[in-house]
Amino acid sequence: MVTLRRFLSAQYDWSGITSKLLQSKTWYLGSLIFVAILTFLLILGYHLWKAPMPIGTLATTDMGLEHMFPIIAYYTLVVILFPLALLLSRIYRVWRLTMTGNGERIPLSAYAAEAWTYIYQSVTHSLMRHCPTKGRWLGHWLLALGTVMMLIIKTFGLRWFQTDNIYPIYNPQRWIGYLAAGFILYGIGNILVGRWRAQQEIYKETKFNDLVFPVLIACVVLSGLAAHIFRYCGLGLSCHYAYALHVIVATPLLLIEMSFGKWSHMVYRPLALYFQAVKERTQQQAPAPEAVPNAI
């Protein structure tokens, strides 16, 4: 199943980059490191020339987060919306490869009638309930929920979450972030512990590609929590370094892993189930062939 998923992901990607990343550790790891280094240079260049501040001040002075607005807001939108747009651009290719092979015309009414299937599969991950591995569905579902929450926060509520304001524990700004982080860490922990123990059949064989996504997203969440804790403890310099690390790790996670890696199945999997449901509905509604009378 994993091999098939990777093969189809490579077929759906019109750029050919997914194929290169899945076939070569050098390409995969090299692309992540390249984007991380580029992000570090952008952060350094912004502080030295755009802010501007001397290197000594940057390395030793406590500072808040507000000085990076509005540029960090635009940066965040780019690194989230660009890979998402790239994934959505492949929907036509997925449709063409899966729905037009036999020349059968599928009415728009079938697509509309089965639209709920895409939503249902995206929200429930119902097929994973059949997995014999105990707790896998819950971990996967919480991981997806936490990830979507974080993407929504970073896209629509970044100014609310990236701030120097100190909020009480009961403020929604804090507990929403804690819930999202907790969901992600539970799901990732479930995966990493399972692969480390290697007792269940699905985890007995672990490859490099299987660890990239969970390790990256765990580093993103932990570095974000570290920046949050340092800020509330009044450790401005430590907060700034932790936040820089957070951005450096999150950028390749979004631009490489979301666009071309394992994360892309969040779009492909429910889409494939949706198209399959549309096919089945069309076949059920097709008129039965008329009987041909026997020749005398």
Foldseek 3Di string as FASTA:
>chain_A
DVVVVLVVLCQLQPVNLLVVLVVDVCSVVVLLVVLLVVLLVVVQCCDCPVLDDDPVCLQDPFDAQVSCPPVVLVVLQCLAVVLVVSLVVSLVVVCCVPPPPVPDDFDPVLLVVLVVLLVCCLQQVVVCVPPPPPPLSQLVNLLSVLVVLVSCCSNPPVDVQRDLDDDDCPDCSNVSLVSSLVSNCSSLVVQVVCLVVLPDPVNVDDDPLNVPLSVLVNLLSVLQVQLVVCSNVVNRSSNVVSVSSNSSSVSCCRNPCCNRGPVSVSPVVSSVVSSVSSVVVRVVPDDDDDDDDDDD
